[in-house]
Amino acid sequence: MAEFFDVSPAFFLDSSQSSADVQVLTRSIEKLSPGARQGIAAIIQNILTMEQAAQTPPDPPTSTHRHTSK
């Protein structure tokens, strides 16, 4: 399970980090087929990527206007 969520196994053993939600999710995911687990992992990774992108400030716009002399 730790590999699936890319966390240390201690994450699930440390009561200060575990919550009822995590335990429910863990039990639910364990019941899924390997293909479904891979699908859930891909969904989670995509959401993490989108959230990280949303938190990253955008690059300042670059000027594409060229001055031409005549």
PDB file of N, CA and C in Angstrom:
ATOM      1  N   MET A   1       0.828  -1.185   0.000  1.00  0.00           N
ATOM      2  CA  MET A   1       0.000   0.000   0.000  1.00  0.00           C
ATOM      3  C   MET A   1       0.876   1.254   0.000  1.00  0.00           C
ATOM      4  N   ALA A   2       1.955   1.209   0.728  1.00  0.00           N
ATOM      5  CA  ALA A   2       2.844   2.370   0.776  1.00  0.00           C
ATOM      6  C   ALA A   2       3.398   2.677  -0.610  1.00  0.00           C
ATOM      7  N   GLU A   3       3.733   1.647  -1.356  1.00  0.00           N
ATOM      8  CA  GLU A   3       4.250   1.847  -2.714  1.00  0.00           C
ATOM      9  C   GLU A   3       3.182   2.498  -3.600  1.00  0.00           C
ATOM     10  N   PHE A   4       1.945   2.059  -3.452  1.00  0.00           N
ATOM     11  CA  PHE A   4       0.851   2.600  -4.255  1.00  0.00           C
ATOM     12  C   PHE A   4       0.727   4.102  -4.052  1.00  0.00           C
ATOM     13  N   PHE A   5       0.803   4.560  -2.812  1.00  0.00           N
ATOM     14  CA  PHE A   5       0.661   5.979  -2.501  1.00  0.00           C
ATOM     15  C   PHE A   5       1.997   6.707  -2.500  1.00  0.00           C
ATOM     16  N   ASP A   6       3.082   5.974  -2.752  1.00  0.00           N
ATOM     17  CA  ASP A   6       4.423   6.547  -2.784  1.00  0.00           C
ATOM     18  C   ASP A   6       4.759   7.249  -1.469  1.00  0.00           C
ATOM     19  N   VAL A   7       4.504   6.523  -0.372  1.00  0.00           N
ATOM     20  CA  VAL A   7       4.835   7.024   0.961  1.00  0.00           C
ATOM     21  C   VAL A   7       5.588   5.933   1.711  1.00  0.00           C
ATOM     22  N   SER A   8       6.177   6.302   2.805  1.00  0.00           N
ATOM     23  CA  SER A   8       6.855   5.348   3.665  1.00  0.00           C
ATOM     24  C   SER A   8       5.825   4.430   4.325  1.00  0.00           C
ATOM     25  N   PRO A   9       6.154   3.151   4.540  1.00  0.00           N
ATOM     26  CA  PRO A   9       5.224   2.275   5.254  1.00  0.00           C
ATOM     27  C   PRO A   9       4.854   2.818   6.632  1.00  0.00           C
ATOM     28  N   ALA A  10       5.739   3.592   7.216  1.00  0.00           N
ATOM     29  CA  ALA A  10       5.465   4.170   8.533  1.00  0.00           C
ATOM     30  C   ALA A  10       4.271   5.111   8.494  1.00  0.00           C
ATOM     31  N   PHE A  11       3.989   5.668   7.319  1.00  0.00           N
ATOM     32  CA  PHE A  11       2.848   6.573   7.193  1.00  0.00           C
ATOM     33  C   PHE A  11       1.571   5.903   7.673  1.00  0.00           C
ATOM     34  N   PHE A  12       1.404   4.619   7.342  1.00  0.00           N
ATOM     35  CA  PHE A  12       0.181   3.911   7.695  1.00  0.00           C
ATOM     36  C   PHE A  12       0.208   3.376   9.123  1.00  0.00           C
ATOM     37  N   LEU A  13       1.381   3.341   9.726  1.00  0.00           N
ATOM     38  CA  LEU A  13       1.510   2.815  11.078  1.00  0.00           C
ATOM     39  C   LEU A  13       1.497   3.915  12.129  1.00  0.00           C
ATOM     40  N   ASP A  14       1.846   5.120  11.728  1.00  0.00           N
ATOM     41  CA  ASP A  14       1.908   6.246  12.656  1.00  0.00           C
ATOM     42  C   ASP A  14       0.505   6.817  12.830  1.00  0.00           C
ATOM     43  N   SER A  15      -0.044   6.674  14.026  1.00  0.00           N
ATOM     44  CA  SER A  15      -1.412   7.114  14.260  1.00  0.00           C
ATOM     45  C   SER A  15      -1.580   8.624  14.098  1.00  0.00           C
ATOM     46  N   SER A  16      -0.498   9.376  14.246  1.00  0.00           N
ATOM     47  CA  SER A  16      -0.623  10.826  14.076  1.00  0.00           C
ATOM     48  C   SER A  16      -0.832  11.190  12.614  1.00  0.00           C
ATOM     49  N   GLN A  17      -0.421  10.323  11.697  1.00  0.00           N
ATOM     50  CA  GLN A  17      -0.591  10.601  10.278  1.00  0.00           C
ATOM     51  C   GLN A  17      -1.795   9.877   9.699  1.00  0.00           C
ATOM     52  N   SER A  18      -2.174   8.790  10.303  1.00  0.00           N
ATOM     53  CA  SER A  18      -3.298   8.026   9.781  1.00  0.00           C
ATOM     54  C   SER A  18      -4.601   8.660  10.211  1.00  0.00           C
ATOM     55  N   SER A  19      -5.564   8.539   9.359  1.00  0.00           N
ATOM     56  CA  SER A  19      -6.891   9.025   9.706  1.00  0.00           C
ATOM     57  C   SER A  19      -7.891   7.961   9.289  1.00  0.00           C
ATOM     58  N   ALA A  20      -9.091   8.126   9.706  1.00  0.00           N
ATOM     59  CA  ALA A  20     -10.138   7.178   9.319  1.00  0.00           C
ATOM     60  C   ALA A  20     -10.294   7.161   7.805  1.00  0.00           C
ATOM     61  N   ASP A  21     -10.168   8.316   7.165  1.00  0.00           N
ATOM     62  CA  ASP A  21     -10.294   8.370   5.709  1.00  0.00           C
ATOM     63  C   ASP A  21      -9.222   7.540   5.012  1.00  0.00           C
ATOM     64  N   VAL A  22      -7.988   7.660   5.478  1.00  0.00           N
ATOM     65  CA  VAL A  22      -6.891   6.904   4.872  1.00  0.00           C
ATOM     66  C   VAL A  22      -7.117   5.411   5.063  1.00  0.00           C
ATOM     67  N   GLN A  23      -7.565   5.037   6.226  1.00  0.00           N
ATOM     68  CA  GLN A  23      -7.807   3.613   6.489  1.00  0.00           C
ATOM     69  C   GLN A  23      -8.927   3.074   5.610  1.00  0.00           C
ATOM     70  N   VAL A  24      -9.980   3.848   5.411  1.00  0.00           N
ATOM     71  CA  VAL A  24     -11.072   3.428   4.542  1.00  0.00           C
ATOM     72  C   VAL A  24     -10.588   3.304   3.101  1.00  0.00           C
ATOM     73  N   LEU A  25      -9.827   4.290   2.648  1.00  0.00           N
ATOM     74  CA  LEU A  25      -9.285   4.231   1.291  1.00  0.00           C
ATOM     75  C   LEU A  25      -8.379   3.022   1.109  1.00  0.00           C
ATOM     76  N   THR A  26      -7.545   2.762   2.085  1.00  0.00           N
ATOM     77  CA  THR A  26      -6.632   1.623   2.015  1.00  0.00           C
ATOM     78  C   THR A  26      -7.400   0.324   1.891  1.00  0.00           C
ATOM     79  N   ARG A  27      -8.400   0.137   2.727  1.00  0.00           N
ATOM     80  CA  ARG A  27      -9.203  -1.097   2.664  1.00  0.00           C
ATOM     81  C   ARG A  27      -9.930  -1.209   1.331  1.00  0.00           C
ATOM     82  N   SER A  28     -10.422  -0.113   0.820  1.00  0.00           N
ATOM     83  CA  SER A  28     -11.138  -0.132  -0.448  1.00  0.00           C
ATOM     84  C   SER A  28     -10.211  -0.464  -1.610  1.00  0.00           C
ATOM     85  N   ILE A  29      -9.054   0.147  -1.636  1.00  0.00           N
ATOM     86  CA  ILE A  29      -8.115  -0.081  -2.733  1.00  0.00           C
ATOM     87  C   ILE A  29      -7.607  -1.515  -2.724  1.00  0.00           C
ATOM     88  N   GLU A  30      -7.427  -2.076  -1.549  1.00  0.00           N
ATOM     89  CA  GLU A  30      -6.958  -3.463  -1.461  1.00  0.00           C
ATOM     90  C   GLU A  30      -7.937  -4.432  -2.116  1.00  0.00           C
ATOM     91  N   LYS A  31      -9.198  -4.056  -2.218  1.00  0.00           N
ATOM     92  CA  LYS A  31     -10.219  -4.922  -2.808  1.00  0.00           C
ATOM     93  C   LYS A  31     -10.255  -4.836  -4.335  1.00  0.00           C
ATOM     94  N   LEU A  32      -9.580  -3.839  -4.907  1.00  0.00           N
ATOM     95  CA  LEU A  32      -9.608  -3.631  -6.346  1.00  0.00           C
ATOM     96  C   LEU A  32      -8.656  -4.575  -7.080  1.00  0.00           C
ATOM     97  N   SER A  33      -8.956  -4.805  -8.348  1.00  0.00           N
ATOM     98  CA  SER A  33      -8.067  -5.608  -9.197  1.00  0.00           C
ATOM     99  C   SER A  33      -6.782  -4.821  -9.448  1.00  0.00           C
ATOM    100  N   PRO A  34      -5.711  -5.504  -9.834  1.00  0.00           N
ATOM    101  CA  PRO A  34      -4.461  -4.784 -10.135  1.00  0.00           C
ATOM    102  C   PRO A  34      -4.649  -3.706 -11.209  1.00  0.00           C
ATOM    103  N   GLY A  35      -5.449  -3.983 -12.221  1.00  0.00           N
ATOM    104  CA  GLY A  35      -5.684  -2.985 -13.262  1.00  0.00           C
ATOM    105  C   GLY A  35      -6.399  -1.758 -12.725  1.00  0.00           C
ATOM    106  N   ALA A  36      -7.371  -1.983 -11.857  1.00  0.00           N
ATOM    107  CA  ALA A  36      -8.095  -0.863 -11.252  1.00  0.00           C
ATOM    108  C   ALA A  36      -7.168  -0.061 -10.350  1.00  0.00           C
ATOM    109  N   ARG A  37      -6.287  -0.741  -9.636  1.00  0.00           N
ATOM    110  CA  ARG A  37      -5.320  -0.033  -8.779  1.00  0.00           C
ATOM    111  C   ARG A  37      -4.423   0.847  -9.623  1.00  0.00           C
ATOM    112  N   GLN A  38      -3.978   0.323 -10.768  1.00  0.00           N
ATOM    113  CA  GLN A  38      -3.126   1.126 -11.656  1.00  0.00           C
ATOM    114  C   GLN A  38      -3.888   2.339 -12.172  1.00  0.00           C
ATOM    115  N   GLY A  39      -5.163   2.153 -12.483  1.00  0.00           N
ATOM    116  CA  GLY A  39      -5.982   3.276 -12.930  1.00  0.00           C
ATOM    117  C   GLY A  39      -6.126   4.337 -11.863  1.00  0.00           C
ATOM    118  N   ILE A  40      -6.372   3.907 -10.626  1.00  0.00           N
ATOM    119  CA  ILE A  40      -6.485   4.850  -9.507  1.00  0.00           C
ATOM    120  C   ILE A  40      -5.158   5.576  -9.297  1.00  0.00           C
ATOM    121  N   ALA A  41      -4.057   4.848  -9.406  1.00  0.00           N
ATOM    122  CA  ALA A  41      -2.737   5.474  -9.238  1.00  0.00           C
ATOM    123  C   ALA A  41      -2.510   6.538 -10.308  1.00  0.00           C
ATOM    124  N   ALA A  42      -2.921   6.264 -11.545  1.00  0.00           N
ATOM    125  CA  ALA A  42      -2.763   7.236 -12.625  1.00  0.00           C
ATOM    126  C   ALA A  42      -3.628   8.468 -12.371  1.00  0.00           C
ATOM    127  N   ILE A  43      -4.840   8.255 -11.907  1.00  0.00           N
ATOM    128  CA  ILE A  43      -5.738   9.372 -11.604  1.00  0.00           C
ATOM    129  C   ILE A  43      -5.136  10.246 -10.499  1.00  0.00           C
ATOM    130  N   ILE A  44      -4.650   9.602  -9.443  1.00  0.00           N
ATOM    131  CA  ILE A  44      -4.055  10.344  -8.326  1.00  0.00           C
ATOM    132  C   ILE A  44      -2.846  11.140  -8.812  1.00  0.00           C
ATOM    133  N   GLN A  45      -2.005  10.521  -9.634  1.00  0.00           N
ATOM    134  CA  GLN A  45      -0.820  11.208 -10.145  1.00  0.00           C
ATOM    135  C   GLN A  45      -1.219  12.411 -10.990  1.00  0.00           C
ATOM    136  N   ASN A  46      -2.229  12.254 -11.823  1.00  0.00           N
ATOM    137  CA  ASN A  46      -2.694  13.375 -12.650  1.00  0.00           C
ATOM    138  C   ASN A  46      -3.226  14.516 -11.787  1.00  0.00           C
ATOM    139  N   ILE A  47      -3.975  14.196 -10.765  1.00  0.00           N
ATOM    140  CA  ILE A  47      -4.510  15.229  -9.879  1.00  0.00           C
ATOM    141  C   ILE A  47      -3.379  15.939  -9.146  1.00  0.00           C
ATOM    142  N   LEU A  48      -2.404  15.183  -8.668  1.00  0.00           N
ATOM    143  CA  LEU A  48      -1.254  15.802  -7.996  1.00  0.00           C
ATOM    144  C   LEU A  48      -0.520  16.739  -8.943  1.00  0.00           C
ATOM    145  N   THR A  49      -0.328  16.306 -10.181  1.00  0.00           N
ATOM    146  CA  THR A  49       0.358  17.132 -11.170  1.00  0.00           C
ATOM    147  C   THR A  49      -0.420  18.420 -11.424  1.00  0.00           C
ATOM    148  N   MET A  50      -1.741  18.311 -11.570  1.00  0.00           N
ATOM    149  CA  MET A  50      -2.567  19.500 -11.805  1.00  0.00           C
ATOM    150  C   MET A  50      -2.525  20.444 -10.606  1.00  0.00           C
ATOM    151  N   GLU A  51      -2.581  19.904  -9.388  1.00  0.00           N
ATOM    152  CA  GLU A  51      -2.550  20.761  -8.200  1.00  0.00           C
ATOM    153  C   GLU A  51      -1.199  21.452  -8.056  1.00  0.00           C
ATOM    154  N   GLN A  52      -0.126  20.732  -8.353  1.00  0.00           N
ATOM    155  CA  GLN A  52       1.196  21.353  -8.279  1.00  0.00           C
ATOM    156  C   GLN A  52       1.334  22.445  -9.324  1.00  0.00           C
ATOM    157  N   ALA A  53       0.804  22.205 -10.515  1.00  0.00           N
ATOM    158  CA  ALA A  53       0.865  23.215 -11.571  1.00  0.00           C
ATOM    159  C   ALA A  53       0.057  24.445 -11.185  1.00  0.00           C
ATOM    160  N   ALA A  54      -1.078  24.238 -10.529  1.00  0.00           N
ATOM    161  CA  ALA A  54      -1.920  25.357 -10.119  1.00  0.00           C
ATOM    162  C   ALA A  54      -1.244  26.194  -9.031  1.00  0.00           C
ATOM    163  N   GLN A  55      -0.372  25.581  -8.250  1.00  0.00           N
ATOM    164  CA  GLN A  55       0.312  26.299  -7.176  1.00  0.00           C
ATOM    165  C   GLN A  55       1.580  26.994  -7.651  1.00  0.00           C
ATOM    166  N   THR A  56       2.056  26.623  -8.833  1.00  0.00           N
ATOM    167  CA  THR A  56       3.273  27.209  -9.380  1.00  0.00           C
ATOM    168  C   THR A  56       2.928  28.511 -10.082  1.00  0.00           C
ATOM    169  N   PRO A  57       3.579  29.618  -9.708  1.00  0.00           N
ATOM    170  CA  PRO A  57       3.267  30.876 -10.375  1.00  0.00           C
ATOM    171  C   PRO A  57       3.641  30.788 -11.849  1.00  0.00           C
ATOM    172  N   PRO A  58       2.837  31.385 -12.710  1.00  0.00           N
ATOM    173  CA  PRO A  58       3.144  31.326 -14.143  1.00  0.00           C
ATOM    174  C   PRO A  58       4.394  32.132 -14.467  1.00  0.00           C
ATOM    175  N   ASP A  59       5.048  31.740 -15.543  1.00  0.00           N
ATOM    176  CA  ASP A  59       6.212  32.494 -16.012  1.00  0.00           C
ATOM    177  C   ASP A  59       5.734  33.846 -16.529  1.00  0.00           C
ATOM    178  N   PRO A  60       6.555  34.879 -16.353  1.00  0.00           N
ATOM    179  CA  PRO A  60       6.151  36.193 -16.883  1.00  0.00           C
ATOM    180  C   PRO A  60       6.070  36.118 -18.406  1.00  0.00           C
ATOM    181  N   PRO A  61       5.148  36.865 -18.988  1.00  0.00           N
ATOM    182  CA  PRO A  61       5.027  36.821 -20.447  1.00  0.00           C
ATOM    183  C   PRO A  61       6.274  37.377 -21.105  1.00  0.00           C
ATOM    184  N   THR A  62       6.617  36.791 -22.214  1.00  0.00           N
ATOM    185  CA  THR A  62       7.770  37.271 -22.955  1.00  0.00           C
ATOM    186  C   THR A  62       7.258  38.055 -24.154  1.00  0.00           C
ATOM    187  N   SER A  63       7.971  39.081 -24.477  1.00  0.00           N
ATOM    188  CA  SER A  63       7.570  39.921 -25.597  1.00  0.00           C
ATOM    189  C   SER A  63       7.965  39.256 -26.899  1.00  0.00           C
ATOM    190  N   THR A  64       7.022  39.150 -27.796  1.00  0.00           N
ATOM    191  CA  THR A  64       7.310  38.583 -29.107  1.00  0.00           C
ATOM    192  C   THR A  64       7.278  39.669 -30.175  1.00  0.00           C
ATOM    193  N   HIS A  65       7.103  40.917 -29.707  1.00  0.00           N
ATOM    194  CA  HIS A  65       7.053  42.047 -30.625  1.00  0.00           C
ATOM    195  C   HIS A  65       8.457  42.431 -31.042  1.00  0.00           C
ATOM    196  N   ARG A  66       8.676  42.536 -32.324  1.00  0.00           N
ATOM    197  CA  ARG A  66      10.006  42.930 -32.820  1.00  0.00           C
ATOM    198  C   ARG A  66       9.939  44.344 -33.373  1.00  0.00           C
ATOM    199  N   HIS A  67      10.971  45.078 -33.089  1.00  0.00           N
ATOM    200  CA  HIS A  67      11.083  46.416 -33.654  1.00  0.00           C
ATOM    201  C   HIS A  67      11.813  46.299 -34.975  1.00  0.00           C
ATOM    202  N   THR A  68      11.257  46.861 -35.989  1.00  0.00           N
ATOM    203  CA  THR A  68      11.941  46.861 -37.287  1.00  0.00           C
ATOM    204  C   THR A  68      12.189  48.301 -37.693  1.00  0.00           C
ATOM    205  N   SER A  69      13.333  48.541 -38.195  1.00  0.00           N
ATOM    206  CA  SER A  69      13.699  49.902 -38.636  1.00  0.00           C
ATOM    207  C   SER A  69      13.552  49.978 -40.139  1.00  0.00           C
ATOM    208  N   LYS A  70      13.087  51.125 -40.624  1.00  0.00           N
ATOM    209  CA  LYS A  70      12.973  51.337 -42.073  1.00  0.00           C
ATOM    210  C   LYS A  70      13.789  52.524 -42.462  1.00  0.00           C
TER     211      LYS A  70
END
